């Protein structure tokens, strides 16, 4: 859905929040001129660096074992001999201490880190509920939507949505480990009468009734701890890996800094911005910094630049609050494509954001 929202061409320069690097690699596969991956968290840059080093220096089979299956029996040797020399000093120091994450211990890479700890806790929860675990496996293999709906309605929902799950999803510690800060939780609670647990249930039920879980790698990796070659991000598919390896990977550059810092020192005019959901917490904790960020965005934006972002709120208040010197509010400076955003949201396989926004800079 992001690809369709962005409508990238070969002449475009894209700036994207790095996160784990999956989106960065996906946009590179479309073939824009440059993809600038920006993140203030150096650990996110370190993960992207490891993926880039793997694409450049490993065969597909080894790369998929590491990032598809989340474990490789010879990862330590591959890391020391092939991957480590490609990393920045921070990346080397970070991964030197974490090579065991890919050893298969505790299930492999996708059960480490904060979100991995939540996945590991959920796996323990399923061990205590073998019937639920069995039906979840069946759900992800359902051959038709009709069968998927039946499995969810008859077998999953009655077993999953009890007091234990509602309690876990209502804890801020759980949400923080999944990357949901308190300001986003507050926005969810304000919009949904069932609170966070009710919102999550409604989101998953939408997916169960409308989109096939057999293709939903966003959730299958949490349940299984790995991807398959048919249910995985595009960069993990063999043909797409080859396209990256034979040139497209070289269009990606990684930057550990804030969005404002990158734009203020950049010589590029940026045609597309992918801001994810970071403005939700910036608007609460660093409102002045958010004003400065938008000043920098509009200063470096190419004519009619396109911007996409997500929010825990369907109508985030910062769109009215952010004001730029001598320019007015964001609403005055951006033209929103509400119809396309609403249409694409129906295909969102994560479905945990109340707001998806597509905007073009007004000339």
Protein backbone atom coordinates (compact mmCIF):
# COMPACT_ATOMS: atom_id res chain seq x y z
CA UNK A 1 0.00 0.00 0.00
CA UNK A 2 2.92 2.36 0.62
CA UNK A 3 4.22 1.73 -2.87
CA UNK A 4 0.91 2.77 -4.36
CA UNK A 5 0.64 5.77 -2.07
CA UNK A 6 4.13 6.97 -2.98
CA UNK A 7 4.01 6.31 -6.75
CA UNK A 8 7.82 6.41 -7.00
CA UNK A 9 9.72 6.95 -10.24
CA UNK A 10 13.34 6.58 -11.31
CA UNK A 11 14.02 10.29 -10.71
CA UNK A 12 12.86 10.39 -7.10
CA UNK A 13 14.83 10.96 -3.91
CA UNK A 14 13.14 9.31 -0.92
CA UNK A 15 13.70 9.99 2.77
CA UNK A 16 12.35 7.28 5.08
CA UNK A 17 12.55 6.62 8.80
CA UNK A 18 14.84 3.57 8.95
CA UNK A 19 13.04 1.50 11.58
CA UNK A 20 14.19 -2.10 10.98
CA UNK A 21 15.07 -1.39 7.34
CA UNK A 22 12.36 -3.51 5.70
CA UNK A 23 10.57 -0.50 4.22
CA UNK A 24 13.87 0.99 3.10
CA UNK A 25 14.68 -2.14 1.09
CA UNK A 26 11.14 -2.38 -0.26
CA UNK A 27 11.22 1.17 -1.64
CA UNK A 28 14.65 0.56 -3.18
CA UNK A 29 13.11 -2.32 -5.16
CA UNK A 30 10.85 0.18 -6.93
CA UNK A 31 13.99 1.81 -8.32
CA UNK A 32 14.09 5.46 -7.19
CA UNK A 33 17.32 7.41 -7.63
CA UNK A 34 18.16 7.44 -3.91
CA UNK A 35 16.70 6.13 -0.65
CA UNK A 36 17.92 8.01 2.40
CA UNK A 37 17.30 5.96 5.56
CA UNK A 38 17.25 8.24 8.61
CA UNK A 39 16.88 7.26 12.26
CA UNK A 40 17.93 8.86 15.52
CA UNK A 41 18.34 5.38 17.03
CA UNK A 42 21.75 3.96 16.02
CA UNK A 43 20.51 0.40 16.73
CA UNK A 44 18.09 0.69 13.82
CA UNK A 45 20.93 1.84 11.58
CA UNK A 46 23.02 -1.11 12.81
CA UNK A 47 20.29 -3.55 11.75
CA UNK A 48 19.97 -1.96 8.32
CA UNK A 49 23.77 -2.05 7.93
CA UNK A 50 23.77 -5.78 8.70
CA UNK A 51 21.09 -6.39 6.06
CA UNK A 52 22.94 -4.29 3.48
CA UNK A 53 26.20 -6.15 4.20
CA UNK A 54 24.38 -9.46 3.81
CA UNK A 55 22.83 -8.47 0.48
CA UNK A 56 26.19 -7.34 -0.88
CA UNK A 57 28.29 -10.27 0.33
CA UNK A 58 26.15 -13.37 0.90
CA UNK A 59 24.40 -15.82 -1.37
CA UNK A 60 20.62 -15.91 -1.19
CA UNK A 61 20.50 -19.17 0.78
CA UNK A 62 22.68 -17.81 3.59
CA UNK A 63 20.89 -14.45 3.61
CA UNK A 64 17.47 -16.08 3.88
CA UNK A 65 18.62 -18.35 6.71
CA UNK A 66 19.78 -15.30 8.67
CA UNK A 67 16.89 -12.91 8.06
CA UNK A 68 14.17 -15.27 6.86
CA UNK A 69 14.56 -18.12 9.31
CA UNK A 70 16.20 -15.92 11.94
CA UNK A 71 19.09 -18.32 12.55
CA UNK A 72 22.14 -19.74 10.80
CA UNK A 73 24.45 -22.49 12.12
CA UNK A 74 27.52 -20.64 10.82
CA UNK A 75 26.44 -17.10 11.59
CA UNK A 76 29.44 -16.35 13.84
CA UNK A 77 31.88 -17.27 11.04
CA UNK A 78 29.90 -15.36 8.40
CA UNK A 79 29.67 -12.36 10.69
CA UNK A 80 33.36 -12.25 11.53
CA UNK A 81 34.67 -12.98 8.03
CA UNK A 82 32.14 -11.31 5.75
CA UNK A 83 29.64 -9.02 7.45
CA UNK A 84 31.53 -7.26 10.25
CA UNK A 85 34.07 -5.48 7.98
CA UNK A 86 31.15 -3.74 6.22
CA UNK A 87 29.70 -2.20 9.38
CA UNK A 88 30.24 1.16 11.04
CA UNK A 89 32.14 1.21 14.37
CA UNK A 90 28.84 1.42 16.27
CA UNK A 91 27.39 -1.42 14.19
CA UNK A 92 30.42 -3.59 14.86
CA UNK A 93 30.24 -2.95 18.61
CA UNK A 94 26.49 -3.57 18.66
CA UNK A 95 26.55 -6.88 16.78
CA UNK A 96 29.76 -8.13 18.44
CA UNK A 97 27.69 -8.43 21.62
CA UNK A 98 24.66 -10.00 19.93
CA UNK A 99 25.88 -12.65 17.51
CA UNK A 100 24.09 -15.23 19.66
CA UNK A 101 20.74 -13.78 18.52
CA UNK A 102 21.13 -15.71 15.26
CA UNK A 103 22.24 -18.98 16.85
CA UNK A 104 18.76 -20.43 17.22
CA UNK A 105 18.79 -19.94 20.98
CA UNK A 106 15.26 -19.16 22.22
CA UNK A 107 13.99 -19.54 18.65
CA UNK A 108 16.29 -17.18 16.78
CA UNK A 109 16.61 -13.50 15.93
CA UNK A 110 12.92 -12.60 15.91
CA UNK A 111 12.57 -13.55 19.57
CA UNK A 112 15.18 -11.00 20.70
CA UNK A 113 15.00 -7.27 21.26
CA UNK A 114 12.00 -5.66 22.94
CA UNK A 115 9.35 -6.75 20.42
CA UNK A 116 11.03 -10.16 20.34
CA UNK A 117 10.51 -10.48 24.08
CA UNK A 118 6.79 -9.91 23.53
CA UNK A 119 6.83 -12.56 20.79
CA UNK A 120 8.59 -14.96 23.15
CA UNK A 121 6.01 -14.27 25.86
CA UNK A 122 3.22 -14.94 23.36
CA UNK A 123 4.88 -18.20 22.36
CA UNK A 124 4.93 -19.22 26.04
CA UNK A 125 1.26 -18.26 26.30
CA UNK A 126 0.50 -20.55 23.32
CA UNK A 127 2.38 -23.44 24.90
CA UNK A 128 0.02 -23.19 27.84
CA UNK A 129 -2.93 -23.20 25.43
CA UNK A 130 -2.16 -25.92 22.87
CA UNK A 131 -5.64 -25.82 21.33
CA UNK A 132 -5.29 -22.13 20.56
CA UNK A 133 -1.80 -22.74 19.15
CA UNK A 134 -3.10 -25.50 16.88
CA UNK A 135 -5.91 -23.35 15.50
CA UNK A 136 -3.60 -20.36 14.97
CA UNK A 137 -1.38 -22.55 12.81
CA UNK A 138 -4.45 -23.62 10.86
CA UNK A 139 -5.53 -19.97 10.53
CA UNK A 140 -2.27 -18.96 8.85
CA UNK A 141 -2.66 -21.87 6.42
CA UNK A 142 -6.33 -21.30 5.59
CA UNK A 143 -6.81 -21.79 1.81
CA UNK A 144 -9.83 -19.45 1.50
CA UNK A 145 -11.23 -16.43 3.28
CA UNK A 146 -14.40 -18.34 4.13
CA UNK A 147 -12.40 -21.00 5.97
CA UNK A 148 -10.26 -18.34 7.64
CA UNK A 149 -13.34 -16.53 8.95
CA UNK A 150 -14.79 -19.76 10.29
CA UNK A 151 -11.57 -20.74 12.07
CA UNK A 152 -11.27 -17.32 13.65
CA UNK A 153 -14.91 -17.05 14.71
CA UNK A 154 -15.35 -20.59 16.00
CA UNK A 155 -11.89 -21.51 17.32
CA UNK A 156 -9.63 -18.48 17.81
CA UNK A 157 -11.79 -15.68 19.22
CA UNK A 158 -13.39 -17.69 22.06
CA UNK A 159 -9.96 -18.91 23.21
CA UNK A 160 -7.91 -15.74 22.74
CA UNK A 161 -9.98 -12.86 24.02
CA UNK A 162 -10.07 -13.55 27.73
CA UNK A 163 -8.99 -11.67 30.82
CA UNK A 164 -5.31 -12.62 30.47
CA UNK A 165 -4.96 -11.22 26.96
CA UNK A 166 -6.97 -8.10 27.80
CA UNK A 167 -4.79 -7.49 30.84
CA UNK A 168 -1.53 -7.93 28.89
CA UNK A 169 -2.60 -5.60 26.10
CA UNK A 170 -3.66 -2.95 28.60
CA UNK A 171 -0.21 -2.72 30.24
CA UNK A 172 1.97 0.17 29.11
CA UNK A 173 5.06 -2.03 29.50
CA UNK A 174 3.70 -4.39 26.83
CA UNK A 175 2.92 -1.53 24.49
CA UNK A 176 6.29 0.14 25.05
CA UNK A 177 8.06 -3.09 24.13
CA UNK A 178 6.04 -3.15 20.92
CA UNK A 179 7.07 0.42 20.15
CA UNK A 180 3.86 2.12 21.27
CA UNK A 181 4.65 5.06 23.60
CA UNK A 182 2.23 6.50 26.14
CA UNK A 183 1.01 9.36 23.87
CA UNK A 184 -0.14 6.84 21.26
CA UNK A 185 -1.85 4.72 23.91
CA UNK A 186 -3.66 7.85 25.10
CA UNK A 187 -4.89 8.54 21.55
CA UNK A 188 -6.17 4.96 21.16
CA UNK A 189 -8.00 5.03 24.47
CA UNK A 190 -9.60 8.37 23.57
CA UNK A 191 -11.05 6.95 20.34
CA UNK A 192 -12.01 3.40 21.25
CA UNK A 193 -14.56 2.51 23.96
CA UNK A 194 -12.89 -0.85 24.53
CA UNK A 195 -9.52 0.74 25.26
CA UNK A 196 -6.29 -0.68 23.84
CA UNK A 197 -7.38 -4.31 24.14
CA UNK A 198 -10.66 -3.55 22.38
CA UNK A 199 -8.88 -1.66 19.62
CA UNK A 200 -6.39 -4.49 19.04
CA UNK A 201 -9.21 -7.03 18.95
CA UNK A 202 -11.17 -4.95 16.44
CA UNK A 203 -8.05 -4.57 14.28
CA UNK A 204 -7.32 -8.31 14.25
CA UNK A 205 -10.96 -9.16 13.58
CA UNK A 206 -10.92 -6.86 10.54
CA UNK A 207 -7.93 -8.81 9.23
CA UNK A 208 -9.57 -12.15 10.01
CA UNK A 209 -12.65 -11.23 8.01
CA UNK A 210 -11.13 -9.28 5.13
CA UNK A 211 -7.44 -10.08 4.43
CA UNK A 212 -5.73 -13.51 4.16
CA UNK A 213 -3.42 -14.42 7.03
CA UNK A 214 -1.63 -16.80 4.68
CA UNK A 215 -0.02 -13.70 3.11
CA UNK A 216 0.37 -11.67 6.31
CA UNK A 217 4.04 -11.90 7.19
CA UNK A 218 3.69 -9.02 9.68
CA UNK A 219 1.87 -11.30 12.13
CA UNK A 220 3.12 -14.73 11.09
CA UNK A 221 6.67 -13.85 12.16
CA UNK A 222 5.39 -13.14 15.69
CA UNK A 223 3.67 -16.51 15.87
CA UNK A 224 6.31 -18.63 14.15
CA UNK A 225 9.50 -16.65 14.74
CA UNK A 226 10.43 -16.90 11.07
CA UNK A 227 9.27 -16.22 7.54
CA UNK A 228 8.72 -18.59 4.63
CA UNK A 229 9.87 -17.85 1.09
CA UNK A 230 6.26 -17.29 0.05
CA UNK A 231 5.20 -15.24 3.09
CA UNK A 232 7.90 -12.67 3.73
CA UNK A 233 8.96 -9.10 2.91
CA UNK A 234 9.87 -8.55 -0.73
CA UNK A 235 13.60 -8.21 -0.08
CA UNK A 236 13.65 -11.80 1.24
CA UNK A 237 12.35 -13.26 -2.03
CA UNK A 238 15.05 -14.67 -4.28
CA UNK A 239 14.37 -12.62 -7.41
CA UNK A 240 14.09 -9.39 -5.44
CA UNK A 241 17.23 -10.18 -3.43
CA UNK A 242 19.06 -10.58 -6.76
CA UNK A 243 17.78 -7.20 -7.99
CA UNK A 244 19.05 -5.54 -4.83
CA UNK A 245 22.39 -7.33 -5.03
CA UNK A 246 22.99 -6.37 -8.65
CA UNK A 247 22.73 -2.62 -8.10
CA UNK A 248 19.66 -1.36 -6.31
CA UNK A 249 21.20 -1.79 -2.85
CA UNK A 250 23.77 0.87 -3.76
CA UNK A 251 21.02 3.49 -3.95
CA UNK A 252 20.49 3.22 -0.18
CA UNK A 253 22.35 5.40 2.30
CA UNK A 254 22.00 5.15 6.08
CA UNK A 255 22.09 8.15 8.41
CA UNK A 256 22.01 8.11 12.22
CA UNK A 257 20.51 11.47 13.11
CA UNK A 258 17.18 13.21 13.43
CA UNK A 259 15.10 14.08 10.40
CA UNK A 260 15.86 17.76 10.98
CA UNK A 261 19.61 17.17 11.20
CA UNK A 262 19.61 15.15 7.99
CA UNK A 263 17.60 17.70 6.03
CA UNK A 264 19.56 20.71 7.28
CA UNK A 265 22.85 19.24 6.07
CA UNK A 266 21.47 17.53 2.96
CA UNK A 267 22.16 18.78 -0.56
CA UNK A 268 19.24 16.78 -1.97
CA UNK A 269 15.79 17.95 -2.85
CA UNK A 270 13.53 15.25 -1.44
CA UNK A 271 10.56 14.24 -3.55
CA UNK A 272 9.05 11.71 -1.12
CA UNK A 273 9.02 11.55 2.67
CA UNK A 274 8.00 8.47 4.69
CA UNK A 275 7.58 9.66 8.28
CA UNK A 276 5.92 6.60 9.83
CA UNK A 277 4.31 7.49 13.18
CA UNK A 278 7.08 9.32 15.03
CA UNK A 279 5.17 12.63 15.08
CA UNK A 280 2.71 11.18 17.60
CA UNK A 281 5.31 11.12 20.36
CA UNK A 282 7.24 14.17 19.14
CA UNK A 283 4.10 16.29 19.34
CA UNK A 284 3.75 15.35 23.03
CA UNK A 285 7.35 15.36 24.18
CA UNK A 286 9.15 17.73 21.78
CA UNK A 287 6.60 20.07 20.15
CA UNK A 288 9.19 22.73 19.34
CA UNK A 289 11.40 20.11 17.69
CA UNK A 290 8.43 19.00 15.59
CA UNK A 291 7.94 22.59 14.40
CA UNK A 292 11.63 22.70 13.44
CA UNK A 293 11.34 19.37 11.66
CA UNK A 294 8.48 20.57 9.47
CA UNK A 295 10.39 23.75 8.70
CA UNK A 296 13.27 21.58 7.47
CA UNK A 297 10.94 19.23 5.54
CA UNK A 298 9.35 22.06 3.60
CA UNK A 299 12.72 23.74 3.00
CA UNK A 300 14.14 20.60 1.34
CA UNK A 301 10.95 19.38 -0.37
CA UNK A 302 10.90 19.22 -4.13
CA UNK A 303 7.96 20.84 -5.93
CA UNK A 304 4.77 18.85 -5.21
CA UNK A 305 6.70 16.52 -2.87
CA UNK A 306 4.64 13.68 -1.45
CA UNK A 307 4.57 12.84 2.26
CA UNK A 308 3.04 9.80 3.92
CA UNK A 309 2.72 9.17 7.65
CA UNK A 310 0.66 7.26 10.18
CA UNK A 311 -0.90 8.15 13.51
CA UNK A 312 -2.70 6.48 16.39
CA UNK A 313 -5.41 9.11 15.85
CA UNK A 314 -7.53 9.45 12.72
CA UNK A 315 -7.23 13.24 12.94
CA UNK A 316 -3.98 14.04 14.81
CA UNK A 317 -4.08 17.36 16.60
CA UNK A 318 -0.56 18.29 15.58
CA UNK A 319 -1.78 18.95 12.04
CA UNK A 320 -3.53 21.99 13.50
CA UNK A 321 -0.99 22.83 16.21
CA UNK A 322 2.22 22.85 14.15
CA UNK A 323 2.69 26.33 12.79
CA UNK A 324 5.60 27.54 10.70
CA UNK A 325 6.96 31.09 10.72
CA UNK A 326 5.14 33.25 8.16
CA UNK A 327 3.51 30.13 6.65
CA UNK A 328 0.51 29.09 8.74
CA UNK A 329 -0.54 25.61 9.79
CA UNK A 330 0.27 22.32 8.09
CA UNK A 331 -3.30 22.18 6.84
CA UNK A 332 -2.56 25.29 4.80
CA UNK A 333 0.69 23.93 3.38
CA UNK A 334 -0.33 20.37 2.48
CA UNK A 335 -3.02 18.99 0.23
CA UNK A 336 -4.33 15.69 1.64
CA UNK A 337 -5.53 12.83 -0.54
CA UNK A 338 -8.09 11.49 1.91
CA UNK A 339 -9.88 9.25 -0.58
CA UNK A 340 -6.76 7.34 -1.62
CA UNK A 341 -5.60 7.01 1.98
CA UNK A 342 -8.94 5.55 3.06
CA UNK A 343 -8.99 3.15 0.12
CA UNK A 344 -5.47 1.90 0.80
CA UNK A 345 -6.13 1.52 4.53
CA UNK A 346 -8.55 -1.28 3.67
CA UNK A 347 -5.50 -3.28 2.48
CA UNK A 348 -3.33 -2.53 5.53
CA UNK A 349 -2.10 -5.92 6.80
CA UNK A 350 -1.06 -4.52 10.19
CA UNK A 351 -4.18 -2.42 10.72
CA UNK A 352 -3.24 -0.90 14.06
CA UNK A 353 -3.12 2.76 13.03
CA UNK A 354 -6.31 4.79 13.10
CA UNK A 355 -4.84 7.33 10.70
CA UNK A 356 -2.97 6.87 7.42
CA UNK A 357 -2.22 10.14 5.65
CA UNK A 358 -1.04 11.01 2.14
CA UNK A 359 -0.22 14.64 1.43
CA UNK A 360 1.40 16.73 -1.27
CA UNK A 361 3.22 20.01 -0.62
CA UNK A 362 1.21 22.91 -2.01
CA UNK A 363 3.17 24.94 -4.54
